[in-house]
Amino acid sequence: MSTAAVQFNANFRDMNQTKKRYRAFKGSAGSGKSVNVAQDFIIKLSDPKYKGANLKVNHKI
């Protein structure tokens, strides 16, 4: 899957492009935070560069 096939929320562009180790999203319910993070990680972990990488997501409800 290429990034061209995925519609990302433009409001989270800076967060998706950051190279920092941790990212904290803040926003109202329904803003698309969880969908954006899931799409971003699926694309990144599908890249052969990240072969063998692990991912842990903490989601406070």
N, C-alpha and C. Protein backbone atom coordinates (compact mmCIF):
# COMPACT_ATOMS: atom_id res chain seq x y z
N MET A 1 0.86 -1.18 0.00
CA MET A 1 0.00 0.00 0.00
C MET A 1 0.89 1.23 0.00
N SER A 2 0.62 2.15 -0.85
CA SER A 2 1.39 3.38 -0.91
C SER A 2 0.66 4.48 -0.15
N THR A 3 1.41 5.51 0.22
CA THR A 3 0.80 6.62 0.96
C THR A 3 -0.18 7.39 0.09
N ALA A 4 -0.06 7.27 -1.23
CA ALA A 4 -0.97 7.96 -2.13
C ALA A 4 -2.39 7.39 -2.02
N ALA A 5 -2.51 6.13 -1.62
CA ALA A 5 -3.82 5.50 -1.53
C ALA A 5 -4.52 5.80 -0.21
N VAL A 6 -3.83 6.42 0.73
CA VAL A 6 -4.38 6.67 2.06
C VAL A 6 -4.64 8.16 2.21
N GLN A 7 -5.83 8.51 2.71
CA GLN A 7 -6.18 9.89 2.98
C GLN A 7 -5.81 10.23 4.42
N PHE A 8 -4.78 11.02 4.62
CA PHE A 8 -4.41 11.48 5.95
C PHE A 8 -5.07 12.81 6.24
N ASN A 9 -5.36 13.03 7.51
CA ASN A 9 -5.90 14.31 7.96
C ASN A 9 -4.78 15.35 7.89
N ALA A 10 -4.97 16.40 7.13
CA ALA A 10 -3.94 17.43 6.95
C ALA A 10 -3.55 18.10 8.26
N ASN A 11 -4.43 18.08 9.25
CA ASN A 11 -4.12 18.71 10.54
C ASN A 11 -3.01 17.98 11.29
N PHE A 12 -2.77 16.73 10.94
CA PHE A 12 -1.75 15.93 11.64
C PHE A 12 -0.48 15.77 10.81
N ARG A 13 -0.32 16.55 9.75
CA ARG A 13 0.84 16.40 8.86
C ARG A 13 2.16 16.53 9.61
N ASP A 14 2.30 17.55 10.45
CA ASP A 14 3.56 17.74 11.19
C ASP A 14 3.85 16.55 12.10
N MET A 15 2.84 16.02 12.72
CA MET A 15 3.02 14.87 13.61
C MET A 15 3.46 13.63 12.83
N ASN A 16 2.92 13.44 11.65
CA ASN A 16 3.28 12.27 10.84
C ASN A 16 4.69 12.35 10.30
N GLN A 17 5.19 13.57 10.08
CA GLN A 17 6.51 13.73 9.49
C GLN A 17 7.63 13.85 10.51
N THR A 18 7.31 13.92 11.79
CA THR A 18 8.33 14.08 12.81
C THR A 18 9.20 12.83 12.92
N LYS A 19 10.43 13.02 13.30
CA LYS A 19 11.37 11.92 13.49
C LYS A 19 11.59 11.64 14.98
N LYS A 20 10.82 12.30 15.84
CA LYS A 20 10.98 12.13 17.28
C LYS A 20 10.50 10.75 17.72
N ARG A 21 11.02 10.29 18.83
CA ARG A 21 10.69 8.95 19.32
C ARG A 21 9.26 8.86 19.83
N TYR A 22 8.78 9.87 20.52
CA TYR A 22 7.44 9.86 21.09
C TYR A 22 6.58 10.94 20.44
N ARG A 23 5.31 10.63 20.27
CA ARG A 23 4.36 11.60 19.73
C ARG A 23 3.12 11.57 20.61
N ALA A 24 2.67 12.72 21.02
CA ALA A 24 1.45 12.82 21.84
C ALA A 24 0.43 13.65 21.05
N PHE A 25 -0.72 13.07 20.82
CA PHE A 25 -1.78 13.75 20.09
C PHE A 25 -2.81 14.27 21.08
N LYS A 26 -3.34 15.43 20.80
CA LYS A 26 -4.37 16.01 21.65
C LYS A 26 -5.44 16.59 20.75
N GLY A 27 -6.69 16.35 21.10
CA GLY A 27 -7.77 16.90 20.31
C GLY A 27 -9.10 16.36 20.80
N SER A 28 -10.14 16.88 20.25
CA SER A 28 -11.48 16.48 20.67
C SER A 28 -11.83 15.11 20.12
N ALA A 29 -12.88 14.54 20.68
CA ALA A 29 -13.37 13.25 20.22
C ALA A 29 -13.82 13.37 18.77
N GLY A 30 -13.50 12.37 17.98
CA GLY A 30 -13.92 12.38 16.59
C GLY A 30 -13.01 13.16 15.66
N SER A 31 -11.86 13.62 16.15
CA SER A 31 -10.97 14.41 15.29
C SER A 31 -10.12 13.54 14.37
N GLY A 32 -10.12 12.24 14.59
CA GLY A 32 -9.39 11.33 13.72
C GLY A 32 -8.01 10.96 14.21
N LYS A 33 -7.71 11.23 15.46
CA LYS A 33 -6.38 10.94 16.01
C LYS A 33 -6.04 9.46 15.88
N SER A 34 -6.91 8.60 16.35
CA SER A 34 -6.63 7.16 16.34
C SER A 34 -6.51 6.62 14.92
N VAL A 35 -7.36 7.05 14.04
CA VAL A 35 -7.31 6.60 12.64
C VAL A 35 -6.01 7.05 12.01
N ASN A 36 -5.63 8.30 12.24
CA ASN A 36 -4.40 8.83 11.67
C ASN A 36 -3.18 8.04 12.16
N VAL A 37 -3.09 7.80 13.45
CA VAL A 37 -1.95 7.08 14.01
C VAL A 37 -1.91 5.65 13.46
N ALA A 38 -3.05 4.99 13.41
CA ALA A 38 -3.09 3.62 12.90
C ALA A 38 -2.64 3.57 11.44
N GLN A 39 -3.12 4.47 10.60
CA GLN A 39 -2.72 4.50 9.20
C GLN A 39 -1.22 4.75 9.07
N ASP A 40 -0.72 5.69 9.83
CA ASP A 40 0.69 6.04 9.77
C ASP A 40 1.57 4.86 10.15
N PHE A 41 1.22 4.17 11.24
CA PHE A 41 2.04 3.05 11.69
C PHE A 41 1.93 1.85 10.75
N ILE A 42 0.77 1.60 10.19
CA ILE A 42 0.63 0.50 9.23
C ILE A 42 1.53 0.73 8.03
N ILE A 43 1.53 1.93 7.52
CA ILE A 43 2.37 2.25 6.36
C ILE A 43 3.85 2.14 6.72
N LYS A 44 4.24 2.70 7.86
CA LYS A 44 5.64 2.66 8.25
C LYS A 44 6.11 1.24 8.53
N LEU A 45 5.31 0.45 9.23
CA LEU A 45 5.74 -0.91 9.56
C LEU A 45 5.67 -1.85 8.37
N SER A 46 5.00 -1.44 7.30
CA SER A 46 4.98 -2.24 6.06
C SER A 46 6.25 -2.02 5.24
N ASP A 47 6.99 -0.98 5.56
CA ASP A 47 8.21 -0.66 4.86
C ASP A 47 9.31 -1.65 5.26
N PRO A 48 10.03 -2.24 4.30
CA PRO A 48 11.10 -3.19 4.63
C PRO A 48 12.18 -2.60 5.55
N LYS A 49 12.30 -1.28 5.56
CA LYS A 49 13.28 -0.63 6.42
C LYS A 49 13.01 -0.93 7.90
N TYR A 50 11.74 -1.18 8.25
CA TYR A 50 11.36 -1.44 9.63
C TYR A 50 11.15 -2.92 9.93
N LYS A 51 11.72 -3.80 9.11
CA LYS A 51 11.55 -5.23 9.31
C LYS A 51 12.01 -5.61 10.72
N GLY A 52 11.17 -6.35 11.44
CA GLY A 52 11.49 -6.78 12.80
C GLY A 52 11.16 -5.74 13.87
N ALA A 53 10.63 -4.60 13.48
CA ALA A 53 10.31 -3.55 14.45
C ALA A 53 9.09 -3.93 15.27
N ASN A 54 9.04 -3.45 16.48
CA ASN A 54 7.90 -3.65 17.37
C ASN A 54 7.19 -2.32 17.58
N LEU A 55 5.94 -2.42 17.96
CA LEU A 55 5.15 -1.22 18.19
C LEU A 55 4.26 -1.44 19.41
N LYS A 56 4.24 -0.46 20.28
CA LYS A 56 3.34 -0.49 21.42
C LYS A 56 2.59 0.84 21.44
N VAL A 57 1.28 0.76 21.53
CA VAL A 57 0.45 1.95 21.57
C VAL A 57 -0.33 1.95 22.87
N ASN A 58 -0.25 3.05 23.61
CA ASN A 58 -1.04 3.24 24.81
C ASN A 58 -2.16 4.21 24.46
N HIS A 59 -3.37 3.80 24.74
CA HIS A 59 -4.53 4.63 24.41
C HIS A 59 -5.35 4.84 25.67
N LYS A 60 -5.34 6.06 26.16
CA LYS A 60 -6.11 6.38 27.36
C LYS A 60 -7.54 6.67 26.95
N ILE A 61 -8.46 6.01 27.60
CA ILE A 61 -9.88 6.20 27.29
C ILE A 61 -10.52 7.03 28.38
